[in-house]
């Protein structure tokens, strides 16, 4: 999977959707709950995680 090309497509879609809506649409898509804005190609990676059902699991370690 080429995240760079996919991100470019997402950027185009977000741009036109934002113009149409009159506000920034970043964060409004179904996969945005998986977004980590600090990583490269955040939309492409978030969409990939969303499509593949990746979830984050918190692990609590108990020291006895």
Protein backbone atom coordinates (compact mmCIF):
# COMPACT_ATOMS: atom_id res chain seq x y z
CA UNK A 1 0.00 0.00 0.00
CA UNK A 2 1.30 3.41 -0.93
CA UNK A 3 0.32 5.74 1.91
CA UNK A 4 1.73 8.81 0.14
CA UNK A 5 -0.53 8.43 -2.92
CA UNK A 6 -3.53 7.61 -0.78
CA UNK A 7 -2.86 10.65 1.43
CA UNK A 8 -2.73 12.89 -1.65
CA UNK A 9 -6.17 11.62 -2.67
CA UNK A 10 -7.54 12.20 0.83
CA UNK A 11 -6.09 15.72 0.83
CA UNK A 12 -7.89 16.51 -2.44
CA UNK A 13 -11.18 15.11 -1.13
CA UNK A 14 -10.85 17.01 2.16
CA UNK A 15 -10.02 20.23 0.29
CA UNK A 16 -13.11 20.10 -1.94
CA UNK A 17 -15.37 18.91 0.89
CA UNK A 18 -14.12 21.78 3.06
CA UNK A 19 -14.80 24.33 0.31
CA UNK A 20 -18.29 22.91 -0.20
CA UNK A 21 -19.05 22.88 3.54
CA UNK A 22 -17.44 26.25 4.26
CA UNK A 23 -15.35 24.81 7.10
CA UNK A 24 -12.41 22.48 7.63
CA UNK A 25 -13.63 18.88 7.31
CA UNK A 26 -10.53 17.36 8.92
CA UNK A 27 -11.71 15.07 11.70
CA UNK A 28 -15.19 14.56 10.27
CA UNK A 29 -14.73 11.30 8.38
CA UNK A 30 -15.56 7.83 9.65
CA UNK A 31 -11.92 6.80 9.95
CA UNK A 32 -10.81 9.96 11.78
CA UNK A 33 -11.23 8.25 15.14
CA UNK A 34 -8.12 6.25 14.26
CA UNK A 35 -6.06 9.34 13.35
CA UNK A 36 -2.67 10.08 14.85
CA UNK A 37 -1.82 13.48 13.41
CA UNK A 38 1.81 13.24 14.50
CA UNK A 39 2.62 10.44 12.03
CA UNK A 40 3.34 10.80 8.31
CA UNK A 41 0.28 10.40 6.04
CA UNK A 42 -2.22 10.47 8.91
CA UNK A 43 -5.42 10.07 6.85
CA UNK A 44 -4.11 7.16 4.82
CA UNK A 45 -2.86 5.36 7.90
CA UNK A 46 -6.09 6.04 9.84
CA UNK A 47 -8.19 4.72 6.95
CA UNK A 48 -5.99 1.62 6.82
CA UNK A 49 -6.39 1.01 10.56
CA UNK A 50 -10.14 1.60 10.32
CA UNK A 51 -10.58 -0.74 7.34
CA UNK A 52 -8.60 -3.50 9.01
CA UNK A 53 -10.28 -3.19 12.38
CA UNK A 54 -7.14 -2.31 14.33
CA UNK A 55 -7.84 -1.27 17.89
CA UNK A 56 -5.69 0.03 20.70
CA UNK A 57 -5.63 -1.99 23.85
CA UNK A 58 -4.50 -0.53 27.13
CA UNK A 59 -2.44 -2.86 29.25
CA UNK A 60 -2.34 -2.39 32.98
CA UNK A 61 0.61 -3.95 34.69
CA UNK A 62 0.30 -4.74 38.31
CA UNK A 63 3.47 -5.04 40.25
CA UNK A 64 3.22 -7.22 43.31
